[in-house]
Amino acid sequence: MLMITTMLAALLVIIGTACGGNEANDATAISNSTNNPSGTTGQGSALLDKMTTALQDDPMNDALYFSRAELYYKKEMYDEAIRDISQAVTIDSTNVNYMHLLADIYLDYYQSRKALNTMRKAATLYPERIPTLLKLTEFLLILQQNKEAFRVLDQVLKLDPQNSEAYFMMGLNFRDLNDDARAINSFQTAVENDPDLTEAWMLLGDLFSKKDNPIALQYYDNAIRLDSTNLNFIFAKANYLHNQGDLEEAIGLYEKIFKKDPQNTLAYYNLGLLYMEMDSIQLAKERFDMALKMDPMHAMAYYYRGEAAEKQGDLEAAKKDFEQALVLQPDMLKASEGMARMK
């Protein structure tokens, strides 16, 4: 389950950023840097200092390099982490866990080619190790290498025909290719094999919501039942209810989000839109005020707060908000039309 959660979070990263790029020089061995590794001094990390001392006494201890690399990685000290894990790989080139960590660091450090090549190498060394093949697929999906992802997933399913994570990733792949029917089939197979795949339930809800099929609500409820702490699931259900015209229940869900996350900009903004539809203009304006308090760069919130002010007859406030919306998003047609009305 951890792999799927991690992979979904990674997929929310802008693909172009992940693929782009200035790649740093290849990581080099750390054998000459254990006396004073960059970042240790001044970090106040007693554990890092202990590991450094231990490596001075045992410079061929690959497990220690791996552990220190993990700590550096958690601290986002990527250069140091790459040097350490590269040294661990040099000492023991067969340890697949070392290769997994190196690939993770490369990816988070915007060195996507090195990350992908590292996982390809790991999969070549261990062609029947399913966690490695799934991790390679994860990277391929992030970097939109769809054809290769299908090939690796076929390899996984030959080894384990009931592998729920493979079917889940297959669904993501089909969804990326806008093949909703096959995506639905894949996600349904995934939850048949593992009913606890919360993300699959939510994505099924999204796909059926696009088809305006009321079964979407059942899928969202399944996801929320399995993980009521995930605000994305509550958001998805609230948006579905909003689009279906069930405004009162949608309001209740947005208020539930506020209680769990009082800083949630999107919930305030969406609720503002909902109140605008209900002609509750003052309530809408108050929600847009809160959205802008959380995110002063939210161009659409400025526009709709301006529209609310316009409906209340406060044309000066409306003009200011339309102007600010255009400062943040000069091509916003709605704001341009709003300014035209002010003239």
Protein backbone atom coordinates (compact mmCIF):
# COMPACT_ATOMS: atom_id res chain seq x y z
CA MET A 1 0.00 0.00 0.00
CA LEU A 2 2.84 2.39 0.73
CA MET A 3 4.14 2.14 -2.81
CA ILE A 4 0.82 3.21 -4.32
CA THR A 5 0.44 6.15 -1.95
CA THR A 6 3.96 7.33 -2.68
CA MET A 7 3.50 6.92 -6.38
CA LEU A 8 0.26 8.92 -6.44
CA ALA A 9 1.86 11.74 -4.54
CA ALA A 10 4.72 11.76 -7.04
CA LEU A 11 2.34 11.81 -9.97
CA LEU A 12 0.98 15.19 -8.69
CA VAL A 13 4.40 16.70 -9.48
CA ILE A 14 4.48 18.68 -12.70
CA ILE A 15 5.64 16.20 -15.29
CA GLY A 16 7.66 18.70 -17.22
CA THR A 17 9.69 19.56 -14.15
CA ALA A 18 10.34 15.93 -13.37
CA CYS A 19 11.47 15.23 -16.92
CA GLY A 20 13.41 18.39 -17.47
CA GLY A 21 16.54 19.49 -16.85
CA ASN A 22 19.90 20.34 -15.62
CA GLU A 23 21.36 17.15 -14.34
CA ALA A 24 24.22 17.31 -11.88
CA ASN A 25 27.47 15.49 -12.44
CA ASP A 26 27.54 11.80 -11.69
CA ALA A 27 27.83 11.03 -8.03
CA THR A 28 31.32 10.13 -6.93
CA ALA A 29 32.63 7.95 -4.16
CA ILE A 30 32.70 9.33 -0.67
CA SER A 31 35.78 7.47 0.47
CA ASN A 32 37.76 10.72 0.84
CA SER A 33 34.98 12.72 2.49
CA THR A 34 34.07 10.75 5.60
CA ASN A 35 36.28 12.90 7.83
CA ASN A 36 34.07 15.96 7.28
CA PRO A 37 31.03 15.23 5.12
CA SER A 38 29.32 18.31 3.78
CA GLY A 39 26.35 19.32 5.87
CA THR A 40 27.28 17.46 9.04
CA THR A 41 28.94 20.44 10.71
CA GLY A 42 26.37 22.84 12.12
CA GLN A 43 23.43 20.52 11.51
CA GLY A 44 23.19 19.46 15.14
CA SER A 45 22.70 15.87 14.11
CA ALA A 46 24.30 13.61 16.69
CA LEU A 47 23.29 10.54 14.71
CA LEU A 48 25.01 11.79 11.57
CA ASP A 49 28.14 12.52 13.59
CA LYS A 50 28.10 9.02 15.08
CA MET A 51 27.76 7.47 11.65
CA THR A 52 30.61 9.57 10.31
CA THR A 53 32.83 8.45 13.19
CA ALA A 54 31.84 4.84 12.61
CA LEU A 55 32.70 5.12 8.91
CA GLN A 56 36.14 6.47 9.77
CA ASP A 57 36.73 3.23 11.66
CA ASP A 58 35.02 1.03 9.07
CA PRO A 59 35.18 2.75 5.64
CA MET A 60 33.92 -0.33 3.76
CA ASN A 61 30.66 -0.65 5.71
CA ASP A 62 28.08 -0.33 2.94
CA ALA A 63 25.14 -0.61 5.37
CA LEU A 64 26.39 2.47 7.23
CA TYR A 65 26.68 4.44 4.00
CA PHE A 66 23.13 3.39 3.16
CA SER A 67 21.82 4.51 6.57
CA ARG A 68 23.61 7.83 6.41
CA ALA A 69 22.33 8.36 2.86
CA GLU A 70 18.78 7.85 4.15
CA LEU A 71 19.32 10.53 6.80
CA TYR A 72 20.78 12.96 4.29
CA TYR A 73 17.85 12.26 1.97
CA LYS A 74 15.34 13.04 4.72
CA LYS A 75 17.17 16.31 5.31
CA GLU A 76 17.00 17.04 1.53
CA MET A 77 20.81 17.08 1.41
CA TYR A 78 20.79 15.40 -1.96
CA ASP A 79 24.44 15.72 -2.98
CA GLU A 80 25.58 14.13 0.26
CA ALA A 81 22.92 11.43 0.00
CA ILE A 82 23.95 10.58 -3.58
CA ARG A 83 27.62 10.34 -2.60
CA ASP A 84 26.86 7.99 0.28
CA ILE A 85 24.46 5.69 -1.51
CA SER A 86 26.75 5.59 -4.55
CA GLN A 87 29.55 4.43 -2.26
CA ALA A 88 27.27 1.76 -0.82
CA VAL A 89 26.49 0.56 -4.35
CA THR A 90 30.19 0.52 -5.18
CA ILE A 91 30.86 -1.75 -2.21
CA ASP A 92 27.84 -3.99 -2.86
CA SER A 93 26.49 -3.63 -6.39
CA THR A 94 23.95 -6.43 -5.92
CA ASN A 95 21.89 -4.86 -3.13
CA VAL A 96 18.63 -3.84 -4.78
CA ASN A 97 17.56 -1.67 -1.82
CA TYR A 98 20.57 0.55 -2.43
CA MET A 99 19.53 1.00 -6.05
CA HIS A 100 15.97 1.85 -5.04
CA LEU A 101 17.15 4.58 -2.69
CA LEU A 102 19.54 5.99 -5.29
CA ALA A 103 16.70 6.18 -7.82
CA ASP A 104 14.43 7.94 -5.31
CA ILE A 105 17.10 10.54 -4.55
CA TYR A 106 17.78 11.17 -8.22
CA LEU A 107 14.08 11.67 -8.92
CA ASP A 108 13.54 14.10 -6.04
CA TYR A 109 16.71 15.93 -7.12
CA TYR A 110 15.27 16.47 -10.62
CA GLN A 111 17.69 14.03 -12.25
CA SER A 112 14.98 11.96 -13.87
CA ARG A 113 17.11 10.21 -16.49
CA LYS A 114 19.50 8.90 -13.86
CA ALA A 115 16.56 7.85 -11.69
CA LEU A 116 14.94 5.91 -14.51
CA ASN A 117 18.19 4.33 -15.68
CA THR A 118 18.95 3.23 -12.12
CA MET A 119 15.59 1.45 -11.88
CA ARG A 120 16.02 -0.08 -15.32
CA LYS A 121 19.36 -1.49 -14.19
CA ALA A 122 17.79 -2.86 -11.01
CA ALA A 123 15.02 -4.54 -13.03
CA THR A 124 17.60 -6.03 -15.38
CA LEU A 125 19.47 -7.53 -12.44
CA TYR A 126 16.25 -8.78 -10.81
CA PRO A 127 13.76 -9.46 -13.63
CA GLU A 128 11.48 -11.52 -11.38
CA ARG A 129 11.47 -9.27 -8.32
CA ILE A 130 7.98 -7.78 -8.34
CA PRO A 131 8.61 -4.80 -5.97
CA THR A 132 11.46 -3.69 -8.25
CA LEU A 133 9.34 -4.07 -11.39
CA LEU A 134 6.49 -2.11 -9.78
CA LYS A 135 8.86 0.64 -8.71
CA LEU A 136 10.22 0.84 -12.25
CA THR A 137 6.63 1.13 -13.49
CA GLU A 138 6.03 3.91 -10.98
CA PHE A 139 8.92 5.89 -12.43
CA LEU A 140 7.80 5.18 -16.00
CA LEU A 141 4.34 6.50 -15.23
CA ILE A 142 5.72 9.65 -13.62
CA LEU A 143 7.86 10.28 -16.70
CA GLN A 144 5.06 9.33 -19.13
CA GLN A 145 6.85 6.37 -20.65
CA ASN A 146 3.52 4.62 -21.23
CA LYS A 147 4.52 1.91 -23.69
CA GLU A 148 7.40 0.71 -21.56
CA ALA A 149 5.17 0.82 -18.49
CA PHE A 150 2.73 -1.57 -20.17
CA ARG A 151 5.55 -3.96 -21.02
CA VAL A 152 6.81 -4.03 -17.43
CA LEU A 153 3.29 -4.49 -16.06
CA ASP A 154 2.74 -7.42 -18.39
CA GLN A 155 5.93 -8.88 -16.95
CA VAL A 156 4.57 -8.44 -13.41
CA LEU A 157 1.23 -10.04 -14.24
CA LYS A 158 2.94 -13.06 -15.76
CA LEU A 159 4.69 -13.53 -12.44
CA ASP A 160 1.59 -12.75 -10.34
CA PRO A 161 -1.71 -12.67 -12.30
CA GLN A 162 -3.63 -11.32 -9.28
CA ASN A 163 -1.30 -8.45 -8.40
CA SER A 164 -3.58 -5.57 -7.43
CA GLU A 165 -0.88 -2.89 -7.62
CA ALA A 166 -0.11 -3.90 -11.20
CA TYR A 167 -3.77 -3.54 -12.18
CA PHE A 168 -3.91 -0.20 -10.36
CA MET A 169 -0.92 1.09 -12.30
CA MET A 170 -2.40 -0.32 -15.49
CA GLY A 171 -5.47 1.79 -14.78
CA LEU A 172 -3.34 4.89 -14.29
CA ASN A 173 -1.62 4.19 -17.58
CA PHE A 174 -4.91 3.83 -19.48
CA ARG A 175 -6.26 6.96 -17.79
CA ASP A 176 -3.20 8.93 -18.91
CA LEU A 177 -3.93 7.75 -22.46
CA ASN A 178 -7.60 8.85 -22.13
CA ASP A 179 -8.82 5.26 -22.47
CA ASP A 180 -11.40 5.53 -19.71
CA ALA A 181 -13.12 2.21 -20.42
CA ARG A 182 -9.92 0.20 -19.97
CA ALA A 183 -8.92 2.34 -17.01
CA ILE A 184 -12.23 1.47 -15.32
CA ASN A 185 -11.74 -2.23 -16.02
CA SER A 186 -8.22 -2.14 -14.58
CA PHE A 187 -9.22 -0.26 -11.42
CA GLN A 188 -12.18 -2.59 -10.89
CA THR A 189 -9.89 -5.60 -11.17
CA ALA A 190 -7.50 -3.94 -8.71
CA VAL A 191 -10.21 -3.49 -6.04
CA GLU A 192 -11.55 -6.98 -6.66
CA ASN A 193 -8.12 -8.32 -5.75
CA ASP A 194 -7.58 -5.83 -2.93
CA PRO A 195 -10.70 -4.01 -1.66
CA ASP A 196 -8.51 -1.75 0.50
CA LEU A 197 -7.04 0.16 -2.46
CA THR A 198 -8.53 3.52 -1.50
CA GLU A 199 -7.02 5.48 -4.40
CA ALA A 200 -8.53 3.03 -6.89
CA TRP A 201 -12.00 3.58 -5.41
CA MET A 202 -11.61 7.34 -5.70
CA LEU A 203 -10.36 7.18 -9.29
CA LEU A 204 -13.30 4.94 -10.19
CA GLY A 205 -15.52 7.63 -8.72
CA ASP A 206 -13.84 10.27 -10.88
CA LEU A 207 -14.19 8.20 -14.04
CA PHE A 208 -17.87 7.45 -13.46
CA SER A 209 -18.44 11.09 -12.48
CA LYS A 210 -17.18 12.06 -15.95
CA LYS A 211 -19.84 9.73 -17.37
CA ASP A 212 -22.46 11.36 -15.10
CA ASN A 213 -23.12 7.93 -13.65
CA PRO A 214 -24.56 8.01 -10.09
CA ILE A 215 -22.52 4.94 -9.11
CA ALA A 216 -19.65 7.44 -8.69
CA LEU A 217 -21.09 8.33 -5.29
CA GLN A 218 -20.77 4.72 -4.13
CA TYR A 219 -17.11 4.61 -5.16
CA TYR A 220 -16.36 7.88 -3.34
CA ASP A 221 -18.09 6.55 -0.24
CA ASN A 222 -15.97 3.40 -0.36
CA ALA A 223 -12.80 5.50 -0.46
CA ILE A 224 -13.95 7.69 2.45
CA ARG A 225 -15.02 4.66 4.48
CA LEU A 226 -11.54 3.20 4.11
CA ASP A 227 -9.73 6.47 4.87
CA SER A 228 -11.84 9.26 6.31
CA THR A 229 -8.73 11.36 6.99
CA ASN A 230 -7.91 11.84 3.30
CA LEU A 231 -9.34 15.24 2.35
CA ASN A 232 -8.93 14.50 -1.37
CA PHE A 233 -11.63 11.84 -1.08
CA ILE A 234 -14.01 14.25 0.69
CA PHE A 235 -13.25 16.93 -1.91
CA ALA A 236 -14.04 14.55 -4.75
CA LYS A 237 -17.40 13.63 -3.25
CA ALA A 238 -18.22 17.28 -2.50
CA ASN A 239 -17.43 18.30 -6.08
CA TYR A 240 -19.57 15.48 -7.42
CA LEU A 241 -22.52 16.51 -5.24
CA HIS A 242 -22.01 20.15 -6.20
CA ASN A 243 -22.14 19.27 -9.90
CA GLN A 244 -25.23 17.14 -9.32
CA GLY A 245 -27.00 20.06 -7.66
CA ASP A 246 -27.02 18.56 -4.16
CA LEU A 247 -25.75 21.81 -2.68
CA GLU A 248 -26.70 21.32 0.96
CA GLU A 249 -24.80 18.04 1.29
CA ALA A 250 -21.85 19.54 -0.58
CA ILE A 251 -21.80 22.43 1.92
CA GLY A 252 -21.70 19.92 4.77
CA LEU A 253 -18.68 18.18 3.28
CA TYR A 254 -16.80 21.45 2.71
CA GLU A 255 -17.46 22.42 6.31
CA LYS A 256 -16.07 19.05 7.38
CA ILE A 257 -12.92 19.91 5.43
CA PHE A 258 -12.64 23.27 7.24
CA LYS A 259 -12.78 21.55 10.60
CA LYS A 260 -9.94 19.25 9.63
CA ASP A 261 -7.90 21.84 7.73
CA PRO A 262 -8.77 25.48 8.55
CA GLN A 263 -6.12 26.68 6.08
CA ASN A 264 -7.63 24.93 3.06
CA THR A 265 -7.84 27.53 0.28
CA LEU A 266 -9.63 25.35 -2.25
CA ALA A 267 -12.44 24.45 0.13
CA TYR A 268 -13.15 28.15 0.83
CA TYR A 269 -13.02 28.95 -2.89
CA ASN A 270 -15.30 26.08 -3.90
CA LEU A 271 -17.78 26.94 -1.18
CA GLY A 272 -17.75 30.54 -2.39
CA LEU A 273 -18.71 29.34 -5.87
CA LEU A 274 -21.45 27.21 -4.39
CA TYR A 275 -22.93 30.15 -2.46
CA MET A 276 -22.80 32.27 -5.61
CA GLU A 277 -24.97 29.67 -7.34
CA MET A 278 -27.39 29.87 -4.40
CA ASP A 279 -27.45 33.71 -4.62
CA SER A 280 -26.10 33.87 -1.06
CA ILE A 281 -23.81 36.69 -2.11
CA GLN A 282 -22.55 37.82 1.30
CA LEU A 283 -21.70 34.26 2.32
CA ALA A 284 -19.91 33.80 -1.00
CA LYS A 285 -17.92 37.00 -0.51
CA GLU A 286 -16.87 35.91 2.99
CA ARG A 287 -15.62 32.59 1.62
CA PHE A 288 -13.64 34.32 -1.12
CA ASP A 289 -12.19 36.62 1.56
CA MET A 290 -10.95 33.54 3.41
CA ALA A 291 -9.57 31.95 0.26
CA LEU A 292 -7.57 35.10 -0.47
CA LYS A 293 -6.37 35.30 3.11
CA MET A 294 -4.91 31.82 2.65
CA ASP A 295 -3.65 32.47 -0.89
CA PRO A 296 -3.29 36.15 -1.93
CA MET A 297 -2.24 35.02 -5.44
CA HIS A 298 -5.54 33.26 -6.25
CA ALA A 299 -6.64 35.16 -9.38
CA MET A 300 -10.04 33.49 -9.75
CA ALA A 301 -10.93 34.22 -6.12
CA TYR A 302 -10.30 37.92 -6.81
CA TYR A 303 -12.57 37.76 -9.84
CA TYR A 304 -15.47 36.09 -8.06
CA ARG A 305 -15.13 38.31 -5.01
CA GLY A 306 -15.34 41.20 -7.45
CA GLU A 307 -18.45 39.70 -9.00
CA ALA A 308 -19.98 39.35 -5.54
CA ALA A 309 -19.17 42.99 -4.78
CA GLU A 310 -20.70 44.00 -8.12
CA LYS A 311 -23.93 42.18 -7.27
CA GLN A 312 -23.99 44.04 -3.93
CA GLY A 313 -23.59 47.36 -5.74
CA ASP A 314 -20.07 48.03 -4.45
CA LEU A 315 -18.60 48.88 -7.84
CA GLU A 316 -15.38 50.36 -6.48
CA ALA A 317 -14.52 47.14 -4.65
CA ALA A 318 -15.53 45.13 -7.72
CA LYS A 319 -13.24 47.18 -9.95
CA LYS A 320 -10.28 46.69 -7.60
CA ASP A 321 -10.78 42.93 -7.54
CA PHE A 322 -11.15 42.70 -11.33
CA GLU A 323 -7.97 44.73 -11.72
CA GLN A 324 -6.06 42.49 -9.31
CA ALA A 325 -7.32 39.39 -11.09
CA LEU A 326 -5.92 40.79 -14.35
CA VAL A 327 -2.59 41.61 -12.70
CA LEU A 328 -2.27 37.97 -11.68
CA GLN A 329 -3.79 36.53 -14.86
CA PRO A 330 -3.72 39.09 -17.69
CA ASP A 331 -5.56 36.84 -20.16
CA MET A 332 -8.58 36.21 -17.90
CA LEU A 333 -11.57 36.96 -20.11
CA LYS A 334 -14.02 37.09 -17.20
CA ALA A 335 -12.02 39.81 -15.46
CA SER A 336 -11.69 41.82 -18.71
CA GLU A 337 -15.46 41.64 -19.17
CA GLY A 338 -15.91 42.70 -15.55
CA MET A 339 -13.72 45.75 -16.11
CA ALA A 340 -15.74 46.60 -19.23
CA ARG A 341 -18.92 46.55 -17.15
CA MET A 342 -17.31 48.93 -14.65
CA LYS A 343 -16.76 51.45 -17.45
